[in-house]
Amino acid sequence: MDQVNEAGGITLSDGTVVTFDSKTYDDESNAERVQELYTRLVSEDGANFLISPYSSGLTSAA
């Protein structure tokens, strides 16, 4: 991620250049917490891309 950002980011097909940032939260291996945090990442943090939790039970909750 740092290398991509240092190189100027990624140019999308419409010419927009984007850089990356990461934010992590502890879901406490709790499905309800995963839902809260995914909502927070999108609505408050403005996330455009999410990586799912490690387990299928938590992923299905997301």
C-alpha atoms as a PDB file:
ATOM      1  CA  MET A   1       0.000   0.000   0.000  1.00  0.00           C
ATOM      2  CA  ASP A   2       2.778   2.440   0.885  1.00  0.00           C
ATOM      3  CA  GLN A   3       4.614   1.692  -2.353  1.00  0.00           C
ATOM      4  CA  VAL A   4       1.477   2.312  -4.410  1.00  0.00           C
ATOM      5  CA  ASN A   5       0.777   5.597  -2.617  1.00  0.00           C
ATOM      6  CA  GLU A   6       4.408   6.723  -2.921  1.00  0.00           C
ATOM      7  CA  ALA A   7       4.238   6.044  -6.663  1.00  0.00           C
ATOM      8  CA  GLY A   8       1.251   8.383  -6.935  1.00  0.00           C
ATOM      9  CA  GLY A   9      -1.623   5.973  -6.393  1.00  0.00           C
ATOM     10  CA  ILE A  10      -3.705   4.146  -8.966  1.00  0.00           C
ATOM     11  CA  THR A  11      -5.355   5.784 -11.955  1.00  0.00           C
ATOM     12  CA  LEU A  12      -8.896   4.548 -12.547  1.00  0.00           C
ATOM     13  CA  SER A  13     -10.434   4.167 -16.008  1.00  0.00           C
ATOM     14  CA  ASP A  14     -12.098   7.590 -15.717  1.00  0.00           C
ATOM     15  CA  GLY A  15      -8.750   9.252 -14.988  1.00  0.00           C
ATOM     16  CA  THR A  16      -9.343   9.668 -11.261  1.00  0.00           C
ATOM     17  CA  VAL A  17      -6.242   8.975  -9.187  1.00  0.00           C
ATOM     18  CA  VAL A  18      -6.773   7.268  -5.844  1.00  0.00           C
ATOM     19  CA  THR A  19      -4.472   6.467  -2.956  1.00  0.00           C
ATOM     20  CA  PHE A  20      -5.033   3.984  -0.172  1.00  0.00           C
ATOM     21  CA  ASP A  21      -5.410   4.111   3.576  1.00  0.00           C
ATOM     22  CA  SER A  22      -6.202   1.302   5.973  1.00  0.00           C
ATOM     23  CA  LYS A  23      -8.212   1.258   9.144  1.00  0.00           C
ATOM     24  CA  THR A  24      -8.708  -1.731  11.413  1.00  0.00           C
ATOM     25  CA  TYR A  25     -10.975  -2.419  14.339  1.00  0.00           C
ATOM     26  CA  ASP A  26     -11.143  -5.364  16.749  1.00  0.00           C
ATOM     27  CA  ASP A  27     -14.366  -7.266  16.074  1.00  0.00           C
ATOM     28  CA  GLU A  28     -13.763  -9.371  19.189  1.00  0.00           C
ATOM     29  CA  SER A  29     -14.763 -12.446  17.113  1.00  0.00           C
ATOM     30  CA  ASN A  30     -18.354 -11.333  17.649  1.00  0.00           C
ATOM     31  CA  ALA A  31     -20.801 -11.357  14.715  1.00  0.00           C
ATOM     32  CA  GLU A  32     -22.852  -8.449  16.083  1.00  0.00           C
ATOM     33  CA  ARG A  33     -19.688  -6.406  16.522  1.00  0.00           C
ATOM     34  CA  VAL A  34     -18.699  -7.169  12.916  1.00  0.00           C
ATOM     35  CA  GLN A  35     -21.993  -5.699  11.692  1.00  0.00           C
ATOM     36  CA  GLU A  36     -21.495  -2.579  13.828  1.00  0.00           C
ATOM     37  CA  LEU A  37     -17.955  -2.092  12.594  1.00  0.00           C
ATOM     38  CA  TYR A  38     -18.797  -2.637   8.915  1.00  0.00           C
ATOM     39  CA  THR A  39     -21.540  -0.024   9.237  1.00  0.00           C
ATOM     40  CA  ARG A  40     -19.078   2.329  10.919  1.00  0.00           C
ATOM     41  CA  LEU A  41     -16.410   1.769   8.277  1.00  0.00           C
ATOM     42  CA  VAL A  42     -18.810   2.674   5.472  1.00  0.00           C
ATOM     43  CA  SER A  43     -20.997   5.360   7.041  1.00  0.00           C
ATOM     44  CA  GLU A  44     -18.511   7.144   9.312  1.00  0.00           C
ATOM     45  CA  ASP A  45     -15.070   6.319   7.936  1.00  0.00           C
ATOM     46  CA  GLY A  46     -16.067   6.507   4.257  1.00  0.00           C
ATOM     47  CA  ALA A  47     -14.570   3.142   3.314  1.00  0.00           C
ATOM     48  CA  ASN A  48     -14.879   2.198  -0.348  1.00  0.00           C
ATOM     49  CA  PHE A  49     -13.359  -1.267  -0.043  1.00  0.00           C
ATOM     50  CA  LEU A  50     -13.639  -3.792   2.773  1.00  0.00           C
ATOM     51  CA  ILE A  51     -11.726  -6.971   3.523  1.00  0.00           C
ATOM     52  CA  SER A  52     -13.788  -9.613   5.258  1.00  0.00           C
ATOM     53  CA  PRO A  53     -13.081 -11.122   8.687  1.00  0.00           C
ATOM     54  CA  TYR A  54     -11.085 -14.337   8.967  1.00  0.00           C
ATOM     55  CA  SER A  55     -13.878 -16.817   9.733  1.00  0.00           C
ATOM     56  CA  SER A  56     -16.930 -17.804   7.717  1.00  0.00           C
ATOM     57  CA  GLY A  57     -19.265 -17.130  10.642  1.00  0.00           C
ATOM     58  CA  LEU A  58     -18.037 -13.569  10.947  1.00  0.00           C
ATOM     59  CA  THR A  59     -17.916 -13.095   7.190  1.00  0.00           C
ATOM     60  CA  SER A  60     -21.567 -14.081   6.811  1.00  0.00           C
ATOM     61  CA  ALA A  61     -22.484 -11.538   9.496  1.00  0.00           C
ATOM     62  CA  ALA A  62     -20.696  -8.823   7.553  1.00  0.00           C
END
